């Protein structure tokens, strides 16, 4: 797995290379439909939430 932190405009440009985009609710609204799943993470410091979002994204 590769993780990359980008700004909103770069995320739109790199979306085709991604399996999914994990972001905040506000940025998810700004991104709109980028052709890959956009997953909202409320608390990036929560291991439990990160685990839940990743499991959901990868259907584990």
C-alpha atoms as a PDB file:
ATOM      1  CA  UNK A   1       0.000   0.000   0.000  1.00  0.00           C
ATOM      2  CA  UNK A   2       1.226   3.461  -0.859  1.00  0.00           C
ATOM      3  CA  UNK A   3      -0.093   6.521   0.946  1.00  0.00           C
ATOM      4  CA  UNK A   4       0.306  10.029  -0.371  1.00  0.00           C
ATOM      5  CA  UNK A   5      -0.804  13.296   1.214  1.00  0.00           C
ATOM      6  CA  UNK A   6      -1.909  15.861  -1.354  1.00  0.00           C
ATOM      7  CA  UNK A   7      -3.927  19.013  -1.677  1.00  0.00           C
ATOM      8  CA  UNK A   8      -7.424  18.887  -3.166  1.00  0.00           C
ATOM      9  CA  UNK A   9      -6.406  19.808  -6.708  1.00  0.00           C
ATOM     10  CA  UNK A  10      -3.593  17.227  -6.772  1.00  0.00           C
ATOM     11  CA  UNK A  11      -5.966  14.579  -5.408  1.00  0.00           C
ATOM     12  CA  UNK A  12      -8.313  15.181  -8.345  1.00  0.00           C
ATOM     13  CA  UNK A  13      -5.417  14.846 -10.783  1.00  0.00           C
ATOM     14  CA  UNK A  14      -4.032  11.672  -9.203  1.00  0.00           C
ATOM     15  CA  UNK A  15      -7.381   9.962  -8.570  1.00  0.00           C
ATOM     16  CA  UNK A  16      -7.006   7.678 -11.600  1.00  0.00           C
ATOM     17  CA  UNK A  17      -3.884   6.179  -9.977  1.00  0.00           C
ATOM     18  CA  UNK A  18      -5.667   5.526  -6.662  1.00  0.00           C
ATOM     19  CA  UNK A  19      -7.746   2.669  -5.298  1.00  0.00           C
ATOM     20  CA  UNK A  20      -9.525   5.115  -2.988  1.00  0.00           C
ATOM     21  CA  UNK A  21      -9.170   8.549  -1.460  1.00  0.00           C
ATOM     22  CA  UNK A  22      -9.421   8.934   2.320  1.00  0.00           C
ATOM     23  CA  UNK A  23     -10.252  12.477   3.339  1.00  0.00           C
ATOM     24  CA  UNK A  24     -12.353  14.761   5.523  1.00  0.00           C
ATOM     25  CA  UNK A  25     -16.058  15.335   4.850  1.00  0.00           C
ATOM     26  CA  UNK A  26     -15.431  18.905   3.675  1.00  0.00           C
ATOM     27  CA  UNK A  27     -12.786  17.908   1.142  1.00  0.00           C
ATOM     28  CA  UNK A  28     -14.891  14.951  -0.019  1.00  0.00           C
ATOM     29  CA  UNK A  29     -17.661  17.417  -0.917  1.00  0.00           C
ATOM     30  CA  UNK A  30     -15.164  19.545  -2.827  1.00  0.00           C
ATOM     31  CA  UNK A  31     -13.732  16.565  -4.715  1.00  0.00           C
ATOM     32  CA  UNK A  32     -17.075  15.332  -5.988  1.00  0.00           C
ATOM     33  CA  UNK A  33     -16.955  12.322  -8.321  1.00  0.00           C
ATOM     34  CA  UNK A  34     -13.318  11.494  -9.122  1.00  0.00           C
ATOM     35  CA  UNK A  35     -13.883   7.976 -10.450  1.00  0.00           C
ATOM     36  CA  UNK A  36     -12.678   6.138  -7.325  1.00  0.00           C
ATOM     37  CA  UNK A  37     -14.290   5.713  -3.919  1.00  0.00           C
ATOM     38  CA  UNK A  38     -13.865   8.704  -1.640  1.00  0.00           C
ATOM     39  CA  UNK A  39     -13.966   7.595   2.007  1.00  0.00           C
ATOM     40  CA  UNK A  40     -14.618  10.083   4.791  1.00  0.00           C
ATOM     41  CA  UNK A  41     -12.470   9.811   7.899  1.00  0.00           C
ATOM     42  CA  UNK A  42     -13.735  11.877  10.819  1.00  0.00           C
ATOM     43  CA  UNK A  43     -10.650  11.397  13.035  1.00  0.00           C
ATOM     44  CA  UNK A  44      -7.349  10.600  11.350  1.00  0.00           C
ATOM     45  CA  UNK A  45      -5.716  10.076  14.751  1.00  0.00           C
ATOM     46  CA  UNK A  46      -8.061   7.202  15.625  1.00  0.00           C
ATOM     47  CA  UNK A  47      -6.582   3.798  14.838  1.00  0.00           C
ATOM     48  CA  UNK A  48     -10.022   2.258  15.221  1.00  0.00           C
ATOM     49  CA  UNK A  49     -11.555   4.552  12.633  1.00  0.00           C
ATOM     50  CA  UNK A  50      -8.642   4.202  10.226  1.00  0.00           C
ATOM     51  CA  UNK A  51      -8.928   0.417  10.557  1.00  0.00           C
ATOM     52  CA  UNK A  52     -12.681   0.543   9.909  1.00  0.00           C
ATOM     53  CA  UNK A  53     -12.341   2.729   6.819  1.00  0.00           C
ATOM     54  CA  UNK A  54      -9.519   0.632   5.358  1.00  0.00           C
ATOM     55  CA  UNK A  55     -11.379  -2.641   6.000  1.00  0.00           C
ATOM     56  CA  UNK A  56     -14.463  -1.220   4.351  1.00  0.00           C
ATOM     57  CA  UNK A  57     -12.442   0.077   1.411  1.00  0.00           C
ATOM     58  CA  UNK A  58     -10.661  -3.235   0.838  1.00  0.00           C
ATOM     59  CA  UNK A  59     -13.704  -5.372   1.786  1.00  0.00           C
ATOM     60  CA  UNK A  60     -11.823  -7.213   4.550  1.00  0.00           C
END
